[in-house]
Structures are given as structure tokens and as C-alpha cells.
Amino acid sequence: MRHAPRVLLPGLLLGLALIQAGCQSEYRPWIPPQEYKAKIVSDAAFVRTNQGEYVDGYLVEYESDFQKLRMFMVLEIPHYSKGERLIVTGRLTDDSVRMPFGDDPQERFPVFQVERAQPNVPAAPNIPALK
């Protein structure tokens, strides 16, 4: 029985440390990335989010549940132009940006952190040859 405290004490301390780290963690459960077909409706912009972070990106329009919605798409290297159509994969964050759009001088848009973006180029239709 003398060895029990020496063996159990390090395990107990390690367990308490892991529980403490998990309770104070800013990490959330893993959420699968979402994919959208989006159209860029603004030029590249460098803006500040409501949480104070500066980001580069574009204002984009996408369709969800038969509604046209807008979001601010964050890209590390903005190299697209207004009017381009993209297929983007990523996650919506808890942050938003305020920027002018249309008649509203300061509209709020959710921030979408892009993991992958590629041009949306529709494939040519498969038309059978005439005989």
C-alpha cells in the first residue's frame, strides 16, 4: 500500500490538469466545412471585424434555402475580381463586419473563413453528334 500514493498522485495531477485545460479552452467541437457557390459583388477590401481583427476579402452573394444572402469571404491572398463566380469551402465564424452596400451605409455581414476557393466554371453540355 505504500506504492499507491506514488503511483496514483501523478495520474491524478495529470487528469486534473487536462480537465482544467479542457474547461478553459477556446476550442469548439469540430464542425464540417460548408460549401457554397458564391458570386463576388465587391472589390477586394481590407476591413476590421467587430472583434477587432483586420482581414482581407470580398463581399459575396450566395444562395441558401432559395434566398440570396451575403457574407464577407476572408481570403489570405485576394486575387479575384468583382463578378467572378466561385465555389468556396470553409466555415462561418462568430464574427461580422460592417461595410457599405447598396442604400445602407453600414450593413453587417457574417465572416466566412475560406479554406479553399476555386472558380465555378460550368462544364460544357454533352450534346450528341448529328448523324
Protein backbone atom coordinates (compact mmCIF):
# COMPACT_ATOMS: atom_id res chain seq x y z
CA MET A 1 0.00 0.00 0.00
CA ARG A 2 2.96 2.35 0.28
CA HIS A 3 3.36 2.48 -3.51
CA ALA A 4 -0.26 3.53 -4.16
CA PRO A 5 0.19 7.26 -3.36
CA ARG A 6 3.34 7.45 -5.53
CA VAL A 7 1.56 5.83 -8.47
CA LEU A 8 -1.84 7.50 -8.14
CA LEU A 9 -0.70 11.05 -7.36
CA PRO A 10 0.97 11.79 -10.77
CA GLY A 11 -2.03 10.30 -12.61
CA LEU A 12 -4.45 12.34 -10.54
CA LEU A 13 -2.48 15.56 -11.13
CA LEU A 14 -2.29 14.88 -14.88
CA GLY A 15 -6.03 14.23 -15.03
CA LEU A 16 -6.80 17.45 -13.16
CA ALA A 17 -4.51 19.42 -15.47
CA LEU A 18 -6.24 18.01 -18.57
CA ILE A 19 -9.69 18.78 -17.17
CA GLN A 20 -8.60 22.32 -16.32
CA ALA A 21 -7.20 22.84 -19.83
CA GLY A 22 -10.38 21.49 -21.41
CA CYS A 23 -12.66 23.73 -19.35
CA GLN A 24 -10.78 26.91 -20.23
CA SER A 25 -10.25 26.02 -23.85
CA GLU A 26 -11.43 28.37 -26.59
CA TYR A 27 -11.75 25.45 -28.97
CA ARG A 28 -15.20 24.35 -30.03
CA PRO A 29 -16.30 20.99 -31.35
CA TRP A 30 -15.23 20.27 -34.91
CA ILE A 31 -17.76 21.44 -37.48
CA PRO A 32 -17.52 20.14 -41.04
CA PRO A 33 -16.73 22.80 -43.66
CA GLN A 34 -19.58 24.19 -45.73
CA GLU A 35 -19.52 24.61 -49.50
CA TYR A 36 -21.21 27.48 -51.32
CA LYS A 37 -21.42 28.71 -54.88
CA ALA A 38 -20.80 32.42 -54.50
CA LYS A 39 -20.58 35.49 -56.70
CA ILE A 40 -18.21 38.33 -55.77
CA VAL A 41 -20.18 41.60 -55.51
CA SER A 42 -17.44 43.97 -54.30
CA ASP A 43 -13.82 44.77 -54.93
CA ALA A 44 -11.18 43.39 -52.56
CA ALA A 45 -11.37 45.11 -49.17
CA PHE A 46 -9.21 45.30 -46.04
CA VAL A 47 -11.65 45.69 -43.14
CA ARG A 48 -11.80 45.41 -39.38
CA THR A 49 -14.19 42.86 -37.86
CA ASN A 50 -16.38 43.54 -34.83
CA GLN A 51 -13.91 41.56 -32.69
CA GLY A 52 -11.07 43.86 -33.81
CA GLU A 53 -9.25 41.62 -36.30
CA TYR A 54 -8.16 43.04 -39.67
CA VAL A 55 -8.95 40.79 -42.65
CA ASP A 56 -8.72 40.82 -46.47
CA GLY A 57 -11.55 39.58 -48.60
CA TYR A 58 -14.64 40.21 -50.66
CA LEU A 59 -18.32 40.68 -50.14
CA VAL A 60 -20.06 37.76 -51.84
CA GLU A 61 -23.61 36.74 -52.60
CA TYR A 62 -24.73 33.13 -52.28
CA GLU A 63 -27.99 31.21 -52.24
CA SER A 64 -29.22 29.22 -49.25
CA ASP A 65 -32.73 27.81 -48.85
CA PHE A 66 -33.81 29.69 -52.00
CA GLN A 67 -32.77 33.06 -50.51
CA LYS A 68 -29.97 35.31 -51.72
CA LEU A 69 -27.69 36.09 -48.79
CA ARG A 70 -24.42 37.98 -48.43
CA MET A 71 -21.29 37.33 -46.39
CA PHE A 72 -17.76 38.65 -46.17
CA MET A 73 -15.41 35.99 -47.55
CA VAL A 74 -11.94 36.09 -45.96
CA LEU A 75 -9.05 35.04 -48.21
CA GLU A 76 -5.34 35.13 -47.39
CA ILE A 77 -4.45 36.24 -50.92
CA PRO A 78 -7.25 38.12 -52.66
CA HIS A 79 -6.74 37.72 -56.41
CA TYR A 80 -10.26 37.56 -57.81
CA SER A 81 -12.30 40.37 -59.34
CA LYS A 82 -15.83 41.65 -58.99
CA GLY A 83 -18.38 39.50 -60.82
CA GLU A 84 -16.42 36.23 -60.67
CA ARG A 85 -18.25 33.10 -59.57
CA LEU A 86 -16.51 30.76 -57.12
CA ILE A 87 -17.04 27.52 -55.29
CA VAL A 88 -15.83 28.17 -51.74
CA THR A 89 -15.34 25.75 -48.87
CA GLY A 90 -14.90 26.93 -45.30
CA ARG A 91 -16.65 27.87 -42.08
CA LEU A 92 -18.73 30.79 -40.84
CA THR A 93 -17.13 32.44 -37.81
CA ASP A 94 -18.77 34.13 -34.84
CA ASP A 95 -17.56 37.48 -36.16
CA SER A 96 -19.05 40.02 -38.56
CA VAL A 97 -18.01 43.12 -40.48
CA ARG A 98 -19.79 46.40 -41.16
CA MET A 99 -19.42 47.87 -44.59
CA PRO A 100 -21.49 49.94 -47.00
CA PHE A 101 -23.60 48.10 -49.57
CA GLY A 102 -26.44 49.46 -51.67
CA ASP A 103 -28.53 52.08 -49.87
CA ASP A 104 -27.43 51.02 -46.37
CA PRO A 105 -24.27 52.92 -45.28
CA GLN A 106 -23.23 50.33 -42.64
CA GLU A 107 -24.72 46.88 -43.15
CA ARG A 108 -23.47 43.95 -41.05
CA PHE A 109 -22.28 40.78 -42.82
CA PRO A 110 -21.14 37.46 -41.28
CA VAL A 111 -17.48 36.48 -41.80
CA PHE A 112 -16.76 33.28 -43.75
CA GLN A 113 -13.23 31.90 -43.32
CA VAL A 114 -12.30 30.25 -46.63
CA GLU A 115 -10.28 27.05 -46.66
CA ARG A 116 -10.49 26.50 -50.40
CA ALA A 117 -11.73 28.61 -53.31
CA GLN A 118 -11.88 27.72 -56.97
CA PRO A 119 -13.53 29.30 -59.99
CA ASN A 120 -17.01 27.98 -60.79
CA VAL A 121 -16.63 27.07 -64.44
CA PRO A 122 -19.64 25.13 -65.71
CA ALA A 123 -18.84 22.12 -67.85
CA ALA A 124 -19.92 22.17 -71.48
CA PRO A 125 -23.13 20.25 -72.08
CA ASN A 126 -22.80 16.82 -73.63
CA ILE A 127 -24.55 17.22 -76.98
CA PRO A 128 -24.70 14.08 -79.12
CA ALA A 129 -23.34 14.29 -82.64
CA LEU A 130 -25.75 14.54 -85.56
CA LYS A 131 -25.88 11.50 -87.84
